[in-house]
Amino acid sequence: MRISFPVRGTEFAISSGANVGSDAGGAGTSTFDGPPGAACGLGVTARPGDPDPGPFEPGDRQDLVWRGQGAGAVRCGGDPVG
């Protein structure tokens, strides 16, 4: 069963490229690419085969898609989509 979790566009931001692991805020931190809302339309969808897709737990896999700044799609677990 696939379940999608809608997210408000102003409640997330992304870090990509050189901003990941930039350490600008201290060791082990990343810098956001832009303010919340620069990326929008985040969708989180549980992957088929997850027996309990409601909670996010170690080992679970989800598909993430978003629009706007840095738009893309990722399968949590590290595999880029399309």
PDB file of N, CA and C in Angstrom:
ATOM      1  N   MET A   1       0.844  -1.178   0.000  1.00  0.00           N
ATOM      2  CA  MET A   1       0.000   0.000   0.000  1.00  0.00           C
ATOM      3  C   MET A   1       0.887   1.238   0.000  1.00  0.00           C
ATOM      4  N   ARG A   2       0.566   2.208  -0.858  1.00  0.00           N
ATOM      5  CA  ARG A   2       1.328   3.452  -0.910  1.00  0.00           C
ATOM      6  C   ARG A   2       0.553   4.532  -0.163  1.00  0.00           C
ATOM      7  N   ILE A   3       1.251   5.252   0.689  1.00  0.00           N
ATOM      8  CA  ILE A   3       0.664   6.361   1.432  1.00  0.00           C
ATOM      9  C   ILE A   3       1.519   7.588   1.172  1.00  0.00           C
ATOM     10  N   SER A   4       0.890   8.713   0.853  1.00  0.00           N
ATOM     11  CA  SER A   4       1.611   9.964   0.648  1.00  0.00           C
ATOM     12  C   SER A   4       1.399  10.880   1.843  1.00  0.00           C
ATOM     13  N   PHE A   5       2.439  11.606   2.200  1.00  0.00           N
ATOM     14  CA  PHE A   5       2.408  12.538   3.317  1.00  0.00           C
ATOM     15  C   PHE A   5       2.610  13.943   2.758  1.00  0.00           C
ATOM     16  N   PRO A   6       1.569  14.757   2.635  1.00  0.00           N
ATOM     17  CA  PRO A   6       1.757  16.113   2.120  1.00  0.00           C
ATOM     18  C   PRO A   6       2.465  16.981   3.153  1.00  0.00           C
ATOM     19  N   VAL A   7       3.250  17.923   2.673  1.00  0.00           N
ATOM     20  CA  VAL A   7       4.012  18.816   3.542  1.00  0.00           C
ATOM     21  C   VAL A   7       3.825  20.242   3.054  1.00  0.00           C
ATOM     22  N   ARG A   8       3.643  21.188   3.948  1.00  0.00           N
ATOM     23  CA  ARG A   8       3.521  22.596   3.568  1.00  0.00           C
ATOM     24  C   ARG A   8       4.835  23.092   2.986  1.00  0.00           C
ATOM     25  N   GLY A   9       4.747  23.865   1.916  1.00  0.00           N
ATOM     26  CA  GLY A   9       5.929  24.358   1.230  1.00  0.00           C
ATOM     27  C   GLY A   9       6.811  25.273   2.054  1.00  0.00           C
ATOM     28  N   THR A  10       6.285  25.872   3.103  1.00  0.00           N
ATOM     29  CA  THR A  10       7.083  26.781   3.926  1.00  0.00           C
ATOM     30  C   THR A  10       7.702  26.084   5.129  1.00  0.00           C
ATOM     31  N   GLU A  11       7.578  24.767   5.206  1.00  0.00           N
ATOM     32  CA  GLU A  11       8.072  24.051   6.376  1.00  0.00           C
ATOM     33  C   GLU A  11       9.280  23.182   6.078  1.00  0.00           C
ATOM     34  N   PHE A  12       9.936  23.406   4.935  1.00  0.00           N
ATOM     35  CA  PHE A  12      11.157  22.671   4.665  1.00  0.00           C
ATOM     36  C   PHE A  12      12.067  23.485   3.757  1.00  0.00           C
ATOM     37  N   ALA A  13      13.330  23.160   3.785  1.00  0.00           N
ATOM     38  CA  ALA A  13      14.333  23.752   2.905  1.00  0.00           C
ATOM     39  C   ALA A  13      15.322  22.646   2.578  1.00  0.00           C
ATOM     40  N   ILE A  14      16.142  22.854   1.545  1.00  0.00           N
ATOM     41  CA  ILE A  14      17.075  21.812   1.133  1.00  0.00           C
ATOM     42  C   ILE A  14      18.515  22.312   1.194  1.00  0.00           C
ATOM     43  N   SER A  15      19.426  21.371   1.300  1.00  0.00           N
ATOM     44  CA  SER A  15      20.860  21.619   1.162  1.00  0.00           C
ATOM     45  C   SER A  15      21.351  20.702   0.062  1.00  0.00           C
ATOM     46  N   SER A  16      22.107  21.244  -0.877  1.00  0.00           N
ATOM     47  CA  SER A  16      22.642  20.428  -1.962  1.00  0.00           C
ATOM     48  C   SER A  16      24.042  20.905  -2.322  1.00  0.00           C
ATOM     49  N   GLY A  17      24.727  20.089  -3.094  1.00  0.00           N
ATOM     50  CA  GLY A  17      26.056  20.455  -3.582  1.00  0.00           C
ATOM     51  C   GLY A  17      27.006  20.829  -2.463  1.00  0.00           C
ATOM     52  N   ALA A  18      27.710  21.934  -2.642  1.00  0.00           N
ATOM     53  CA  ALA A  18      28.720  22.381  -1.676  1.00  0.00           C
ATOM     54  C   ALA A  18      28.113  22.782  -0.336  1.00  0.00           C
ATOM     55  N   ASN A  19      26.801  23.016  -0.278  1.00  0.00           N
ATOM     56  CA  ASN A  19      26.162  23.380   0.985  1.00  0.00           C
ATOM     57  C   ASN A  19      26.042  22.196   1.946  1.00  0.00           C
ATOM     58  N   VAL A  20      26.103  20.978   1.428  1.00  0.00           N
ATOM     59  CA  VAL A  20      26.032  19.790   2.277  1.00  0.00           C
ATOM     60  C   VAL A  20      27.386  19.596   2.940  1.00  0.00           C
ATOM     61  N   GLY A  21      27.387  19.544   4.254  1.00  0.00           N
ATOM     62  CA  GLY A  21      28.640  19.369   4.992  1.00  0.00           C
ATOM     63  C   GLY A  21      29.542  20.591   4.944  1.00  0.00           C
ATOM     64  N   SER A  22      28.942  21.779   4.786  1.00  0.00           N
ATOM     65  CA  SER A  22      29.737  23.013   4.682  1.00  0.00           C
ATOM     66  C   SER A  22      30.385  23.408   6.008  1.00  0.00           C
ATOM     67  N   ASP A  23      29.887  22.877   7.119  1.00  0.00           N
ATOM     68  CA  ASP A  23      30.388  23.180   8.466  1.00  0.00           C
ATOM     69  C   ASP A  23      30.251  24.662   8.839  1.00  0.00           C
ATOM     70  N   ALA A  24      29.440  25.418   8.084  1.00  0.00           N
ATOM     71  CA  ALA A  24      29.286  26.849   8.340  1.00  0.00           C
ATOM     72  C   ALA A  24      28.686  27.129   9.716  1.00  0.00           C
ATOM     73  N   GLY A  25      27.839  26.244  10.192  1.00  0.00           N
ATOM     74  CA  GLY A  25      27.219  26.424  11.499  1.00  0.00           C
ATOM     75  C   GLY A  25      27.905  25.609  12.583  1.00  0.00           C
ATOM     76  N   GLY A  26      29.081  25.074  12.285  1.00  0.00           N
ATOM     77  CA  GLY A  26      29.808  24.204  13.197  1.00  0.00           C
ATOM     78  C   GLY A  26      30.059  22.864  12.524  1.00  0.00           C
ATOM     79  N   ALA A  27      30.894  22.082  13.136  1.00  0.00           N
ATOM     80  CA  ALA A  27      31.269  20.788  12.555  1.00  0.00           C
ATOM     81  C   ALA A  27      30.037  19.916  12.311  1.00  0.00           C
ATOM     82  N   GLY A  28      29.982  19.320  11.129  1.00  0.00           N
ATOM     83  CA  GLY A  28      28.913  18.396  10.800  1.00  0.00           C
ATOM     84  C   GLY A  28      27.603  19.051  10.394  1.00  0.00           C
ATOM     85  N   THR A  29      27.619  20.351  10.083  1.00  0.00           N
ATOM     86  CA  THR A  29      26.386  21.031   9.688  1.00  0.00           C
ATOM     87  C   THR A  29      26.382  21.330   8.190  1.00  0.00           C
ATOM     88  N   SER A  30      25.206  21.598   7.676  1.00  0.00           N
ATOM     89  CA  SER A  30      25.016  21.994   6.285  1.00  0.00           C
ATOM     90  C   SER A  30      24.320  23.343   6.243  1.00  0.00           C
ATOM     91  N   THR A  31      24.426  24.025   5.116  1.00  0.00           N
ATOM     92  CA  THR A  31      23.783  25.318   4.910  1.00  0.00           C
ATOM     93  C   THR A  31      22.626  25.139   3.938  1.00  0.00           C
ATOM     94  N   PHE A  32      21.477  25.745   4.229  1.00  0.00           N
ATOM     95  CA  PHE A  32      20.350  25.665   3.310  1.00  0.00           C
ATOM     96  C   PHE A  32      20.673  26.411   2.030  1.00  0.00           C
ATOM     97  N   ASP A  33      20.159  25.904   0.900  1.00  0.00           N
ATOM     98  CA  ASP A  33      20.349  26.551  -0.397  1.00  0.00           C
ATOM     99  C   ASP A  33      19.584  27.863  -0.479  1.00  0.00           C
ATOM    100  N   GLY A  34      18.470  27.943   0.182  1.00  0.00           N
ATOM    101  CA  GLY A  34      17.631  29.141   0.164  1.00  0.00           C
ATOM    102  C   GLY A  34      16.689  29.095   1.341  1.00  0.00           C
ATOM    103  N   PRO A  35      15.854  30.102   1.491  1.00  0.00           N
ATOM    104  CA  PRO A  35      14.933  30.129   2.630  1.00  0.00           C
ATOM    105  C   PRO A  35      13.820  29.100   2.466  1.00  0.00           C
ATOM    106  N   PRO A  36      13.157  28.743   3.568  1.00  0.00           N
ATOM    107  CA  PRO A  36      11.992  27.875   3.444  1.00  0.00           C
ATOM    108  C   PRO A  36      11.010  28.486   2.448  1.00  0.00           C
ATOM    109  N   GLY A  37      10.477  27.675   1.575  1.00  0.00           N
ATOM    110  CA  GLY A  37       9.575  28.147   0.540  1.00  0.00           C
ATOM    111  C   GLY A  37      10.245  28.284  -0.815  1.00  0.00           C
ATOM    112  N   ALA A  38      11.590  28.373  -0.858  1.00  0.00           N
ATOM    113  CA  ALA A  38      12.295  28.433  -2.146  1.00  0.00           C
ATOM    114  C   ALA A  38      12.120  27.107  -2.880  1.00  0.00           C
ATOM    115  N   ALA A  39      12.122  26.030  -2.132  1.00  0.00           N
ATOM    116  CA  ALA A  39      11.746  24.714  -2.651  1.00  0.00           C
ATOM    117  C   ALA A  39      10.323  24.478  -2.157  1.00  0.00           C
ATOM    118  N   CYS A  40       9.487  23.863  -2.971  1.00  0.00           N
ATOM    119  CA  CYS A  40       8.089  23.710  -2.572  1.00  0.00           C
ATOM    120  C   CYS A  40       7.543  22.389  -3.086  1.00  0.00           C
ATOM    121  N   GLY A  41       6.343  22.069  -2.669  1.00  0.00           N
ATOM    122  CA  GLY A  41       5.673  20.882  -3.173  1.00  0.00           C
ATOM    123  C   GLY A  41       6.301  19.575  -2.734  1.00  0.00           C
ATOM    124  N   LEU A  42       6.895  19.557  -1.556  1.00  0.00           N
ATOM    125  CA  LEU A  42       7.504  18.314  -1.061  1.00  0.00           C
ATOM    126  C   LEU A  42       6.446  17.243  -0.904  1.00  0.00           C
ATOM    127  N   GLY A  43       6.727  16.078  -1.447  1.00  0.00           N
ATOM    128  CA  GLY A  43       5.861  14.927  -1.267  1.00  0.00           C
ATOM    129  C   GLY A  43       6.687  13.756  -0.770  1.00  0.00           C
ATOM    130  N   VAL A  44       6.220  13.106   0.260  1.00  0.00           N
ATOM    131  CA  VAL A  44       6.883  11.931   0.828  1.00  0.00           C
ATOM    132  C   VAL A  44       5.927  10.762   0.644  1.00  0.00           C
ATOM    133  N   THR A  45       6.372   9.731  -0.047  1.00  0.00           N
ATOM    134  CA  THR A  45       5.525   8.574  -0.306  1.00  0.00           C
ATOM    135  C   THR A  45       6.210   7.314   0.191  1.00  0.00           C
ATOM    136  N   ALA A  46       5.507   6.563   1.026  1.00  0.00           N
ATOM    137  CA  ALA A  46       6.038   5.288   1.512  1.00  0.00           C
ATOM    138  C   ALA A  46       6.181   4.339   0.324  1.00  0.00           C
ATOM    139  N   ARG A  47       7.231   3.538   0.344  1.00  0.00           N
ATOM    140  CA  ARG A  47       7.478   2.597  -0.746  1.00  0.00           C
ATOM    141  C   ARG A  47       6.694   1.316  -0.537  1.00  0.00           C
ATOM    142  N   PRO A  48       6.334   0.617  -1.633  1.00  0.00           N
ATOM    143  CA  PRO A  48       5.610  -0.648  -1.519  1.00  0.00           C
ATOM    144  C   PRO A  48       6.375  -1.645  -0.645  1.00  0.00           C
ATOM    145  N   GLY A  49       5.655  -2.419   0.111  1.00  0.00           N
ATOM    146  CA  GLY A  49       6.270  -3.440   0.946  1.00  0.00           C
ATOM    147  C   GLY A  49       6.503  -3.021   2.383  1.00  0.00           C
ATOM    148  N   ASP A  50       6.308  -1.728   2.694  1.00  0.00           N
ATOM    149  CA  ASP A  50       6.454  -1.279   4.073  1.00  0.00           C
ATOM    150  C   ASP A  50       5.188  -1.698   4.814  1.00  0.00           C
ATOM    151  N   PRO A  51       5.290  -2.624   5.782  1.00  0.00           N
ATOM    152  CA  PRO A  51       4.100  -3.132   6.447  1.00  0.00           C
ATOM    153  C   PRO A  51       3.392  -2.097   7.323  1.00  0.00           C
ATOM    154  N   ASP A  52       4.101  -1.050   7.738  1.00  0.00           N
ATOM    155  CA  ASP A  52       3.511  -0.005   8.574  1.00  0.00           C
ATOM    156  C   ASP A  52       4.055   1.334   8.102  1.00  0.00           C
ATOM    157  N   PRO A  53       3.504   1.917   7.018  1.00  0.00           N
ATOM    158  CA  PRO A  53       4.098   3.099   6.409  1.00  0.00           C
ATOM    159  C   PRO A  53       3.894   4.402   7.168  1.00  0.00           C
ATOM    160  N   GLY A  54       3.113   4.411   8.223  1.00  0.00           N
ATOM    161  CA  GLY A  54       2.871   5.643   8.968  1.00  0.00           C
ATOM    162  C   GLY A  54       4.114   6.216   9.632  1.00  0.00           C
ATOM    163  N   PRO A  55       4.772   5.469  10.508  1.00  0.00           N
ATOM    164  CA  PRO A  55       5.965   6.013  11.159  1.00  0.00           C
ATOM    165  C   PRO A  55       7.207   5.871  10.264  1.00  0.00           C
ATOM    166  N   PHE A  56       8.121   6.836  10.380  1.00  0.00           N
ATOM    167  CA  PHE A  56       9.411   6.736   9.700  1.00  0.00           C
ATOM    168  C   PHE A  56      10.377   6.066  10.668  1.00  0.00           C
ATOM    169  N   GLU A  57      10.884   4.902  10.283  1.00  0.00           N
ATOM    170  CA  GLU A  57      11.750   4.118  11.156  1.00  0.00           C
ATOM    171  C   GLU A  57      13.023   3.737  10.414  1.00  0.00           C
ATOM    172  N   PRO A  58      14.120   3.457  11.149  1.00  0.00           N
ATOM    173  CA  PRO A  58      15.359   3.026  10.482  1.00  0.00           C
ATOM    174  C   PRO A  58      15.086   1.865   9.528  1.00  0.00           C
ATOM    175  N   GLY A  59      15.638   1.947   8.343  1.00  0.00           N
ATOM    176  CA  GLY A  59      15.471   0.897   7.351  1.00  0.00           C
ATOM    177  C   GLY A  59      14.303   1.110   6.414  1.00  0.00           C
ATOM    178  N   ASP A  60      13.375   1.999   6.767  1.00  0.00           N
ATOM    179  CA  ASP A  60      12.255   2.299   5.874  1.00  0.00           C
ATOM    180  C   ASP A  60      12.776   3.072   4.669  1.00  0.00           C
ATOM    181  N   ARG A  61      12.044   2.954   3.573  1.00  0.00           N
ATOM    182  CA  ARG A  61      12.394   3.700   2.366  1.00  0.00           C
ATOM    183  C   ARG A  61      11.189   4.503   1.920  1.00  0.00           C
ATOM    184  N   GLN A  62      11.440   5.742   1.539  1.00  0.00           N
ATOM    185  CA  GLN A  62      10.396   6.620   1.024  1.00  0.00           C
ATOM    186  C   GLN A  62      10.889   7.266  -0.262  1.00  0.00           C
ATOM    187  N   ASP A  63       9.947   7.669  -1.106  1.00  0.00           N
ATOM    188  CA  ASP A  63      10.251   8.483  -2.274  1.00  0.00           C
ATOM    189  C   ASP A  63       9.989   9.937  -1.896  1.00  0.00           C
ATOM    190  N   LEU A  64      10.936  10.827  -2.209  1.00  0.00           N
ATOM    191  CA  LEU A  64      10.786  12.262  -1.961  1.00  0.00           C
ATOM    192  C   LEU A  64      10.811  12.984  -3.299  1.00  0.00           C
ATOM    193  N   VAL A  65       9.890  13.888  -3.505  1.00  0.00           N
ATOM    194  CA  VAL A  65       9.880  14.741  -4.695  1.00  0.00           C
ATOM    195  C   VAL A  65       9.581  16.166  -4.249  1.00  0.00           C
ATOM    196  N   TRP A  66      10.142  17.152  -4.973  1.00  0.00           N
ATOM    197  CA  TRP A  66       9.866  18.548  -4.674  1.00  0.00           C
ATOM    198  C   TRP A  66      10.073  19.386  -5.920  1.00  0.00           C
ATOM    199  N   ARG A  67       9.522  20.594  -5.897  1.00  0.00           N
ATOM    200  CA  ARG A  67       9.635  21.553  -6.992  1.00  0.00           C
ATOM    201  C   ARG A  67      10.389  22.779  -6.494  1.00  0.00           C
ATOM    202  N   GLY A  68      10.642  23.708  -7.410  1.00  0.00           N
ATOM    203  CA  GLY A  68      11.295  24.956  -7.052  1.00  0.00           C
ATOM    204  C   GLY A  68      12.801  24.785  -7.007  1.00  0.00           C
ATOM    205  N   GLN A  69      13.434  25.524  -6.120  1.00  0.00           N
ATOM    206  CA  GLN A  69      14.892  25.523  -6.018  1.00  0.00           C
ATOM    207  C   GLN A  69      15.422  24.122  -5.776  1.00  0.00           C
ATOM    208  N   GLY A  70      16.351  23.687  -6.590  1.00  0.00           N
ATOM    209  CA  GLY A  70      16.956  22.374  -6.428  1.00  0.00           C
ATOM    210  C   GLY A  70      16.017  21.227  -6.704  1.00  0.00           C
ATOM    211  N   ALA A  71      14.962  21.463  -7.474  1.00  0.00           N
ATOM    212  CA  ALA A  71      13.918  20.465  -7.707  1.00  0.00           C
ATOM    213  C   ALA A  71      14.501  19.102  -8.045  1.00  0.00           C
ATOM    214  N   GLY A  72      13.858  18.064  -7.549  1.00  0.00           N
ATOM    215  CA  GLY A  72      14.346  16.731  -7.822  1.00  0.00           C
ATOM    216  C   GLY A  72      13.481  15.658  -7.226  1.00  0.00           C
ATOM    217  N   ALA A  73      14.027  14.466  -7.273  1.00  0.00           N
ATOM    218  CA  ALA A  73      13.360  13.307  -6.702  1.00  0.00           C
ATOM    219  C   ALA A  73      14.434  12.374  -6.167  1.00  0.00           C
ATOM    220  N   VAL A  74      14.204  11.807  -5.005  1.00  0.00           N
ATOM    221  CA  VAL A  74      15.177  10.935  -4.363  1.00  0.00           C
ATOM    222  C   VAL A  74      14.446   9.765  -3.737  1.00  0.00           C
ATOM    223  N   ARG A  75      15.025   8.607  -3.836  1.00  0.00           N
ATOM    224  CA  ARG A  75      14.545   7.459  -3.061  1.00  0.00           C
ATOM    225  C   ARG A  75      15.418   7.406  -1.818  1.00  0.00           C
ATOM    226  N   CYS A  76      14.812   7.598  -0.660  1.00  0.00           N
ATOM    227  CA  CYS A  76      15.589   7.537   0.570  1.00  0.00           C
ATOM    228  C   CYS A  76      16.271   6.192   0.645  1.00  0.00           C
ATOM    229  N   GLY A  77      17.516   6.236   0.917  1.00  0.00           N
ATOM    230  CA  GLY A  77      18.371   5.074   0.798  1.00  0.00           C
ATOM    231  C   GLY A  77      19.471   5.435  -0.202  1.00  0.00           C
ATOM    232  N   GLY A  78      19.344   6.623  -0.816  1.00  0.00           N
ATOM    233  CA  GLY A  78      20.416   7.165  -1.618  1.00  0.00           C
ATOM    234  C   GLY A  78      20.295   7.055  -3.119  1.00  0.00           C
ATOM    235  N   ASP A  79      19.226   6.444  -3.653  1.00  0.00           N
ATOM    236  CA  ASP A  79      19.139   6.270  -5.090  1.00  0.00           C
ATOM    237  C   ASP A  79      18.371   7.432  -5.725  1.00  0.00           C
ATOM    238  N   PRO A  80      19.019   8.224  -6.619  1.00  0.00           N
ATOM    239  CA  PRO A  80      18.277   9.282  -7.321  1.00  0.00           C
ATOM    240  C   PRO A  80      17.195   8.674  -8.195  1.00  0.00           C
ATOM    241  N   VAL A  81      16.117   9.385  -8.372  1.00  0.00           N
ATOM    242  CA  VAL A  81      15.006   8.941  -9.206  1.00  0.00           C
ATOM    243  C   VAL A  81      14.929   9.854 -10.416  1.00  0.00           C
ATOM    244  N   GLY A  82      14.861   9.265 -11.620  1.00  0.00           N
ATOM    245  CA  GLY A  82      14.660  10.025 -12.859  1.00  0.00           C
ATOM    246  C   GLY A  82      15.577  11.157 -12.972  1.00  0.00           C
TER     247      GLY A  82
END
